Amino acid sequence: MNSIRRLPVICGYGGINSAGRSSSDLAYKRLVFDLLSEDMKMKLSKTSATLQITKQTKRILRIKP
């Protein structure tokens, strides 16, 4: 009997809602974050930060109070 190698499977994929329609592939980008260019990493960080507006987020986005 041949040994079959088990591979990881992405069994969930989505965004900020259950349908994932508004995610803009954020879930995938988070999975491959280390492989993204510095510009894409910054863009993803800013996009993720806008989902949770805090004082730290405002500093990242340079939003004036």
Protein backbone atom coordinates (compact mmCIF):
# COMPACT_ATOMS: atom_id res chain seq x y z
CA MET A 1 0.00 0.00 0.00
CA ASN A 2 1.38 3.43 -0.98
CA SER A 3 1.75 6.06 1.66
CA ILE A 4 -0.36 9.10 0.82
CA ARG A 5 0.97 12.42 2.04
CA ARG A 6 -1.62 14.51 3.86
CA LEU A 7 -1.79 18.12 2.75
CA PRO A 8 -3.25 21.07 4.64
CA VAL A 9 -6.60 22.27 3.33
CA ILE A 10 -8.10 25.74 3.62
CA CYS A 11 -11.61 24.88 4.73
CA GLY A 12 -12.81 28.39 5.48
CA TYR A 13 -12.48 31.55 3.49
CA GLY A 14 -14.23 34.85 3.94
CA GLY A 15 -14.15 38.36 5.22
CA ILE A 16 -15.93 40.46 7.75
CA ASN A 17 -19.31 38.91 7.07
CA SER A 18 -20.42 35.31 6.81
CA ALA A 19 -20.60 35.37 3.01
CA GLY A 20 -17.14 36.87 2.65
CA ARG A 21 -18.26 39.15 -0.17
CA SER A 22 -16.75 42.24 1.39
CA SER A 23 -13.39 40.67 2.21
CA SER A 24 -11.43 41.78 -0.88
CA ASP A 25 -9.37 38.60 -0.38
CA LEU A 26 -8.18 39.78 3.04
CA ALA A 27 -8.24 36.22 4.40
CA TYR A 28 -5.96 35.00 1.62
CA LYS A 29 -3.63 37.98 1.98
CA ARG A 30 -3.32 37.27 5.70
CA LEU A 31 -2.34 33.69 4.93
CA VAL A 32 0.47 34.80 2.60
CA PHE A 33 1.38 38.02 4.46
CA ASP A 34 5.09 37.15 4.72
CA LEU A 35 5.29 36.76 0.94
CA LEU A 36 3.69 40.12 0.10
CA SER A 37 5.64 43.19 -0.99
CA GLU A 38 6.18 45.92 1.59
CA ASP A 39 3.60 48.10 -0.17
CA MET A 40 1.00 45.33 -0.07
CA LYS A 41 1.78 44.63 3.60
CA MET A 42 1.21 48.30 4.46
CA LYS A 43 -2.00 48.43 2.42
CA LEU A 44 -3.29 45.27 4.11
CA SER A 45 -2.37 46.62 7.54
CA LYS A 46 -4.23 49.87 6.85
CA THR A 47 -7.24 48.00 5.48
CA SER A 48 -7.35 45.71 8.51
CA ALA A 49 -6.92 48.68 10.84
CA THR A 50 -9.96 50.43 9.40
CA LEU A 51 -12.10 47.54 10.60
CA GLN A 52 -11.24 48.51 14.17
CA ILE A 53 -10.89 52.26 14.63
CA THR A 54 -8.82 52.90 17.76
CA LYS A 55 -6.26 55.53 18.82
CA GLN A 56 -3.52 53.28 17.51
CA THR A 57 -5.41 52.85 14.24
CA LYS A 58 -5.71 56.60 13.89
CA ARG A 59 -1.93 56.89 14.28
CA ILE A 60 -1.38 54.23 11.60
CA LEU A 61 -3.80 55.91 9.21
CA ARG A 62 -2.78 59.43 10.29
CA ILE A 63 -6.39 60.39 11.03
CA LYS A 64 -6.81 63.63 12.95
CA PRO A 65 -9.22 63.45 15.92
